[in-house]
Amino acid sequence: MLWTETYRPNTFTEILGQEPVVRHLSSFASSKTLPHLILSGPHGTGKSTAVLCLSRALYGGNAELNTSVFPVSDLFSQGKSFLEKDDRYSHLYQKNLTLIANFKYILKWYASLRPLDAEYKLMVFEDAHALTRDAQQALRRIMERTSNTCRFIFTTTNQSAIIPAISSRCLPLFFAPVHNDLIARHLAAIREKETAGSPPCTDDDLDLIVQAAGGDLRRAILLLQAAMQSGRCEDLLAHTASENQAIASAVLAALRAGDILGAIRRMESLMIDYGLSGSEVLYEIRTIIRREYNHPALAVALADAEYRMLHANNEYIQAGAFATGTREVFI
């Protein structure tokens, strides 16, 4: 069994590094008064886990019956075949309808179910940034009609992908990357519990895992499990290097060569083809800068770009601005 499931938090108090968000969610659970929510933040910071904890706190033993979770990314990447094969939706799937029509019908059906011993039920959309604009428009109308009996929760790594008509109806809560010290202590505790029958990792190995995780607690636990069960922690950074980082490295290489348009195309590819938000693209680039360049002017350009990215409406414009400004550093 994956350790991410074994050590998954069951209550709010077990969630690491998200105290401001946990305070809000705990207050909502105590008062039984809950607005629509958008939970945004990087991968592995506890968004889905927080939803499960909220559901348990609100409904107790009826949590599963009063919570409908829609894996949006799987639905819109696999299309109608996903609806046809998944037991949760196959009895509602209508072959003669389009994907959007099926999506609307299924949402209406789930939203029409009466909550059990509660005033409202939860409708949870994981990876909500994968929702198309047509799907979001359909969802907005369903939200308007069922707000008395349903609360809608969207989890996403890219809040700007949610249309204003939906985001204006929701309270946004941000999950920050988990601090390295918290991850290190958590991994050390897991190591102590799992040492029997497995070769232990040293403290230096744990530090390496923490750095490779980059604030993603789920990834850190997976890396620890792989390292302890294989008995190998060597070259961990090489094994964990992702395709995203390879493209980010190509972005900087293009800028060094003076190919600004090529760098912009690669950044846009990370956002369009790989589903990264603008902030996540800059995070991948920052990883490469720290590892291969360590140039103070690049750090300043990256900081300015991250600030603008968080306060801008169009991430593609800011990506182009970053590429243009960074090219000047290499001249």
Protein backbone atom coordinates (compact mmCIF):
# COMPACT_ATOMS: atom_id res chain seq x y z
CA MET A 1 0.00 0.00 0.00
CA LEU A 2 1.21 3.50 -0.80
CA TRP A 3 2.41 5.40 2.24
CA THR A 4 0.57 8.48 0.99
CA GLU A 5 -2.65 6.62 1.83
CA THR A 6 -1.32 5.01 5.00
CA TYR A 7 -0.30 8.38 6.46
CA ARG A 8 -3.08 10.48 4.96
CA PRO A 9 -4.61 12.85 7.56
CA ASN A 10 -8.06 11.98 8.88
CA THR A 11 -8.69 15.20 10.81
CA PHE A 12 -7.87 18.87 10.42
CA THR A 13 -5.24 18.73 13.18
CA GLU A 14 -3.17 16.24 11.17
CA ILE A 15 -2.86 18.52 8.11
CA LEU A 16 0.63 20.01 7.99
CA GLY A 17 1.58 23.57 7.17
CA GLN A 18 -1.87 24.97 6.30
CA GLU A 19 -2.95 26.54 9.59
CA PRO A 20 -4.80 29.58 8.13
CA VAL A 21 -6.88 27.40 5.81
CA VAL A 22 -7.53 24.82 8.51
CA ARG A 23 -8.84 27.52 10.85
CA HIS A 24 -11.38 28.62 8.25
CA LEU A 25 -12.50 25.08 7.43
CA SER A 26 -12.75 24.11 11.11
CA SER A 27 -14.91 27.16 11.75
CA PHE A 28 -17.20 26.27 8.85
CA ALA A 29 -17.52 22.70 10.12
CA SER A 30 -18.31 23.85 13.66
CA SER A 31 -20.98 26.31 12.55
CA LYS A 32 -22.33 24.04 9.79
CA THR A 33 -22.32 27.16 7.61
CA LEU A 34 -20.30 26.70 4.46
CA PRO A 35 -19.89 28.93 1.37
CA HIS A 36 -18.87 27.67 -2.05
CA LEU A 37 -15.07 27.26 -2.04
CA ILE A 38 -12.09 27.38 -4.38
CA LEU A 39 -9.09 25.58 -2.88
CA SER A 40 -6.00 26.49 -4.89
CA GLY A 41 -2.32 25.72 -4.50
CA PRO A 42 0.48 23.48 -5.78
CA HIS A 43 0.23 19.71 -5.94
CA GLY A 44 0.65 17.73 -2.73
CA THR A 45 -0.26 20.51 -0.30
CA GLY A 46 -3.44 18.95 1.13
CA LYS A 47 -6.36 20.29 -0.90
CA SER A 48 -8.17 16.98 -1.49
CA THR A 49 -7.33 15.78 2.01
CA ALA A 50 -8.81 18.96 3.49
CA VAL A 51 -12.05 18.32 1.59
CA LEU A 52 -12.25 14.79 3.02
CA CYS A 53 -11.62 16.10 6.54
CA LEU A 54 -14.27 18.77 6.04
CA SER A 55 -16.76 16.17 4.86
CA ARG A 56 -16.11 13.96 7.90
CA ALA A 57 -16.42 16.93 10.25
CA LEU A 58 -19.74 18.00 8.69
CA TYR A 59 -21.44 14.65 8.23
CA GLY A 60 -19.69 12.06 10.39
CA GLY A 61 -20.71 8.59 9.25
CA ASN A 62 -22.72 9.99 6.34
CA ALA A 63 -19.71 11.76 4.79
CA GLU A 64 -19.47 9.48 1.77
CA LEU A 65 -23.20 9.63 1.06
CA ASN A 66 -23.28 13.43 1.22
CA THR A 67 -20.15 14.06 -0.86
CA SER A 68 -19.95 13.70 -4.64
CA VAL A 69 -16.43 13.93 -6.09
CA PHE A 70 -15.94 14.55 -9.82
CA PRO A 71 -12.45 13.84 -11.26
CA VAL A 72 -12.60 16.61 -13.84
CA SER A 73 -9.18 16.00 -15.38
CA ASP A 74 -9.95 12.34 -16.11
CA LEU A 75 -13.38 13.21 -17.47
CA PHE A 76 -12.24 15.84 -19.97
CA SER A 77 -9.04 14.04 -20.98
CA GLN A 78 -10.69 10.65 -21.60
CA GLY A 79 -14.08 11.95 -22.75
CA LYS A 80 -17.20 9.83 -23.07
CA SER A 81 -15.26 6.59 -22.62
CA PHE A 82 -14.57 7.60 -19.01
CA LEU A 83 -18.28 8.05 -18.31
CA GLU A 84 -19.08 4.76 -19.98
CA LYS A 85 -16.56 2.75 -17.93
CA ASP A 86 -16.86 4.41 -14.52
CA ASP A 87 -19.42 2.73 -12.25
CA ARG A 88 -20.43 6.07 -10.76
CA TYR A 89 -21.59 7.45 -14.09
CA SER A 90 -22.21 4.51 -16.43
CA HIS A 91 -25.87 4.19 -15.36
CA LEU A 92 -26.41 7.86 -16.24
CA TYR A 93 -24.32 8.00 -19.40
CA GLN A 94 -26.27 8.54 -22.63
CA LYS A 95 -24.38 7.51 -25.73
CA ASN A 96 -26.33 9.75 -28.10
CA LEU A 97 -25.45 12.94 -26.18
CA THR A 98 -22.27 15.01 -26.37
CA LEU A 99 -19.74 15.05 -23.55
CA ILE A 100 -20.96 18.44 -22.29
CA ALA A 101 -24.60 17.33 -22.43
CA ASN A 102 -23.73 14.20 -20.45
CA PHE A 103 -21.73 16.30 -17.99
CA LYS A 104 -24.71 18.62 -17.41
CA TYR A 105 -27.14 15.74 -17.03
CA ILE A 106 -24.94 13.90 -14.53
CA LEU A 107 -24.38 17.06 -12.47
CA LYS A 108 -28.08 17.81 -12.36
CA TRP A 109 -28.81 14.24 -11.29
CA TYR A 110 -26.28 14.30 -8.44
CA ALA A 111 -27.31 17.80 -7.39
CA SER A 112 -30.96 16.71 -7.22
CA LEU A 113 -30.20 13.97 -4.66
CA ARG A 114 -31.45 14.97 -1.24
CA PRO A 115 -28.72 15.29 1.43
CA LEU A 116 -28.94 12.72 4.23
CA ASP A 117 -29.56 14.26 7.68
CA ALA A 118 -28.04 17.57 6.56
CA GLU A 119 -29.09 20.88 5.03
CA TYR A 120 -26.77 20.54 2.05
CA LYS A 121 -24.37 18.12 0.35
CA LEU A 122 -20.91 18.68 -1.14
CA MET A 123 -20.21 18.71 -4.87
CA VAL A 124 -16.41 18.51 -5.25
CA PHE A 125 -14.56 19.12 -8.54
CA GLU A 126 -10.95 17.95 -8.45
CA ASP A 127 -8.51 19.62 -10.88
CA ALA A 128 -11.20 22.15 -11.74
CA HIS A 129 -8.82 24.00 -14.08
CA ALA A 130 -9.50 21.19 -16.58
CA LEU A 131 -13.12 22.30 -16.96
CA THR A 132 -13.79 23.81 -20.37
CA ARG A 133 -15.49 27.19 -20.58
CA ASP A 134 -18.69 25.56 -21.85
CA ALA A 135 -18.66 23.17 -18.91
CA GLN A 136 -18.09 26.04 -16.49
CA GLN A 137 -20.98 28.02 -17.96
CA ALA A 138 -23.25 25.00 -17.54
CA LEU A 139 -21.96 24.52 -14.01
CA ARG A 140 -22.65 28.16 -13.14
CA ARG A 141 -26.34 27.75 -13.93
CA ILE A 142 -26.54 24.57 -11.87
CA MET A 143 -24.89 26.40 -8.95
CA GLU A 144 -27.52 29.12 -9.13
CA ARG A 145 -30.41 26.65 -9.06
CA THR A 146 -29.15 24.27 -6.37
CA SER A 147 -27.32 26.55 -3.91
CA ASN A 148 -29.90 25.80 -1.21
CA THR A 149 -29.10 22.08 -1.12
CA CYS A 150 -25.53 21.91 -2.50
CA ARG A 151 -22.18 23.49 -1.75
CA PHE A 152 -19.66 23.46 -4.57
CA ILE A 153 -15.95 23.02 -3.87
CA PHE A 154 -13.29 23.40 -6.58
CA THR A 155 -9.71 22.21 -6.08
CA THR A 156 -7.18 23.52 -8.57
CA THR A 157 -3.54 24.38 -9.13
CA ASN A 158 -4.55 27.25 -11.43
CA GLN A 159 -7.28 29.47 -10.03
CA SER A 160 -7.15 31.82 -13.02
CA ALA A 161 -8.61 29.03 -15.18
CA ILE A 162 -11.92 29.37 -13.29
CA ILE A 163 -14.25 31.84 -15.00
CA PRO A 164 -15.27 34.97 -13.01
CA ALA A 165 -18.93 33.90 -12.97
CA ILE A 166 -17.92 30.93 -10.78
CA SER A 167 -14.97 32.39 -8.85
CA SER A 168 -17.05 35.40 -7.74
CA ARG A 169 -19.47 32.98 -6.05
CA CYS A 170 -16.73 31.19 -4.11
CA LEU A 171 -14.47 31.92 -1.17
CA PRO A 172 -10.85 31.38 -2.30
CA LEU A 173 -8.48 29.58 0.08
CA PHE A 174 -4.82 29.13 -0.84
CA PHE A 175 -2.70 26.12 0.13
CA ALA A 176 0.96 27.14 0.30
CA PRO A 177 3.86 24.75 -0.39
CA VAL A 178 4.64 22.84 2.80
CA HIS A 179 7.70 24.19 4.58
CA ASN A 180 10.83 22.05 4.29
CA ASP A 181 11.25 21.75 8.07
CA LEU A 182 7.75 20.32 8.44
CA ILE A 183 8.34 17.84 5.61
CA ALA A 184 11.67 16.76 7.13
CA ARG A 185 10.11 16.12 10.55
CA HIS A 186 7.20 14.22 9.01
CA LEU A 187 9.52 12.04 6.93
CA ALA A 188 11.68 11.32 9.98
CA ALA A 189 8.59 10.17 11.89
CA ILE A 190 7.56 7.89 9.02
CA ARG A 191 11.09 6.52 8.76
CA GLU A 192 11.01 5.52 12.41
CA LYS A 193 7.73 3.66 11.95
CA GLU A 194 8.77 1.92 8.75
CA THR A 195 12.38 1.03 9.58
CA ALA A 196 11.63 -2.61 10.45
CA GLY A 197 12.40 -4.74 7.41
CA SER A 198 13.60 -1.78 5.33
CA PRO A 199 17.04 -0.19 5.09
CA PRO A 200 16.82 3.20 6.85
CA CYS A 201 17.64 6.44 5.07
CA THR A 202 20.14 8.75 6.70
CA ASP A 203 19.37 12.34 7.63
CA ASP A 204 21.31 13.45 4.55
CA ASP A 205 19.05 11.26 2.42
CA LEU A 206 16.00 12.89 4.00
CA ASP A 207 17.40 16.34 3.22
CA LEU A 208 17.86 15.29 -0.40
CA ILE A 209 14.25 14.04 -0.58
CA VAL A 210 12.97 17.27 0.95
CA GLN A 211 14.81 19.35 -1.63
CA ALA A 212 13.59 17.15 -4.48
CA ALA A 213 9.97 17.41 -3.26
CA GLY A 214 9.94 21.21 -3.42
CA GLY A 215 7.09 21.71 -0.94
CA ASP A 216 5.04 18.77 -2.25
CA LEU A 217 4.44 16.57 0.80
CA ARG A 218 2.81 13.78 -1.20
CA ARG A 219 5.81 13.56 -3.50
CA ALA A 220 8.19 13.57 -0.53
CA ILE A 221 6.41 10.59 1.04
CA LEU A 222 6.43 8.69 -2.26
CA LEU A 223 10.16 9.35 -2.68
CA LEU A 224 10.84 8.19 0.87
CA GLN A 225 8.92 4.97 0.28
CA ALA A 226 10.78 4.32 -2.97
CA ALA A 227 14.15 5.04 -1.35
CA MET A 228 13.55 2.85 1.72
CA GLN A 229 12.04 -0.08 -0.15
CA SER A 230 14.75 -0.07 -2.82
CA GLY A 231 17.56 0.73 -0.41
CA ARG A 232 18.92 3.35 -2.82
CA CYS A 233 18.92 7.11 -2.32
CA GLU A 234 21.77 7.84 -4.74
CA ASP A 235 21.08 10.02 -7.75
CA LEU A 236 17.61 10.78 -6.44
CA LEU A 237 17.50 14.17 -8.13
CA ALA A 238 18.32 12.57 -11.48
CA HIS A 239 15.54 10.01 -11.08
CA THR A 240 13.01 12.63 -10.03
CA ALA A 241 13.83 15.09 -12.78
CA SER A 242 10.59 15.56 -14.67
CA GLU A 243 9.82 16.30 -18.28
CA ASN A 244 8.61 19.70 -17.09
CA GLN A 245 12.09 20.50 -15.81
CA ALA A 246 13.61 19.41 -19.11
CA ILE A 247 11.38 21.89 -20.94
CA ALA A 248 12.12 24.59 -18.37
CA SER A 249 15.83 24.02 -18.98
CA ALA A 250 15.17 24.37 -22.71
CA VAL A 251 13.44 27.71 -22.03
CA LEU A 252 16.58 29.11 -20.43
CA ALA A 253 18.80 27.61 -23.12
CA ALA A 254 16.70 29.33 -25.79
CA LEU A 255 16.99 32.65 -23.96
CA ARG A 256 20.77 32.30 -23.76
CA ALA A 257 20.80 31.71 -27.53
CA GLY A 258 18.65 34.79 -28.14
CA ASP A 259 15.57 32.79 -29.24
CA ILE A 260 12.87 34.68 -27.33
CA LEU A 261 10.00 33.32 -29.42
CA GLY A 262 11.24 29.76 -28.92
CA ALA A 263 11.40 30.31 -25.17
CA ILE A 264 7.86 31.72 -25.13
CA ARG A 265 6.56 28.76 -27.16
CA ARG A 266 8.09 26.33 -24.67
CA MET A 267 6.55 28.19 -21.72
CA GLU A 268 3.17 28.20 -23.43
CA SER A 269 3.57 24.47 -24.10
CA LEU A 270 3.99 23.85 -20.39
CA MET A 271 0.74 25.72 -19.73
CA ILE A 272 -1.30 24.32 -22.62
CA ASP A 273 0.03 20.80 -23.19
CA TYR A 274 1.10 19.95 -19.64
CA GLY A 275 -1.60 21.83 -17.74
CA LEU A 276 0.72 23.92 -15.56
CA SER A 277 -0.30 27.30 -14.25
CA GLY A 278 1.90 30.31 -14.92
CA SER A 279 3.22 30.18 -11.35
CA GLU A 280 4.07 26.48 -11.73
CA VAL A 281 6.00 27.23 -14.93
CA LEU A 282 8.04 29.84 -13.08
CA TYR A 283 8.63 27.34 -10.26
CA GLU A 284 10.11 24.85 -12.72
CA ILE A 285 12.30 27.59 -14.20
CA ARG A 286 13.39 28.68 -10.71
CA THR A 287 14.52 25.11 -9.97
CA ILE A 288 16.76 25.16 -13.04
CA ILE A 289 18.11 28.64 -12.27
CA ARG A 290 19.07 27.64 -8.73
CA ARG A 291 20.71 24.42 -9.89
CA GLU A 292 22.52 25.53 -13.06
CA TYR A 293 22.86 29.33 -13.12
CA ASN A 294 22.63 30.87 -9.62
CA HIS A 295 22.72 34.37 -11.13
CA PRO A 296 21.42 37.22 -8.91
CA ALA A 297 19.96 39.13 -11.86
CA LEU A 298 17.99 36.03 -12.89
CA ALA A 299 16.66 35.72 -9.35
CA VAL A 300 15.44 39.33 -9.47
CA ALA A 301 13.80 38.85 -12.89
CA LEU A 302 12.09 35.70 -11.64
CA ALA A 303 10.82 37.42 -8.48
CA ASP A 304 9.37 40.29 -10.52
CA ALA A 305 7.69 37.83 -12.89
CA GLU A 306 6.17 35.82 -10.02
CA TYR A 307 4.77 38.97 -8.44
CA ARG A 308 3.19 40.09 -11.72
CA MET A 309 1.88 36.58 -12.40
CA LEU A 310 -0.05 36.56 -9.13
CA HIS A 311 -1.62 39.97 -9.82
CA ALA A 312 -2.35 39.64 -13.54
CA ASN A 313 -5.32 38.37 -15.54
CA ASN A 314 -3.38 36.93 -18.49
CA GLU A 315 -0.58 34.48 -17.66
CA TYR A 316 0.56 34.22 -21.28
CA ILE A 317 1.35 37.94 -21.46
CA GLN A 318 3.37 37.68 -18.25
CA ALA A 319 5.23 34.66 -19.59
CA GLY A 320 6.24 36.71 -22.65
CA ALA A 321 7.27 39.61 -20.44
CA PHE A 322 9.46 37.30 -18.35
CA ALA A 323 11.14 35.86 -21.44
CA THR A 324 11.85 39.31 -22.85
CA GLY A 325 13.21 40.65 -19.55
CA THR A 326 15.32 37.57 -18.85
CA ARG A 327 16.92 37.69 -22.28
CA GLU A 328 18.43 41.06 -21.33
CA VAL A 329 20.23 39.38 -18.41
CA PHE A 330 22.02 37.02 -20.80
CA ILE A 331 23.14 39.79 -23.17
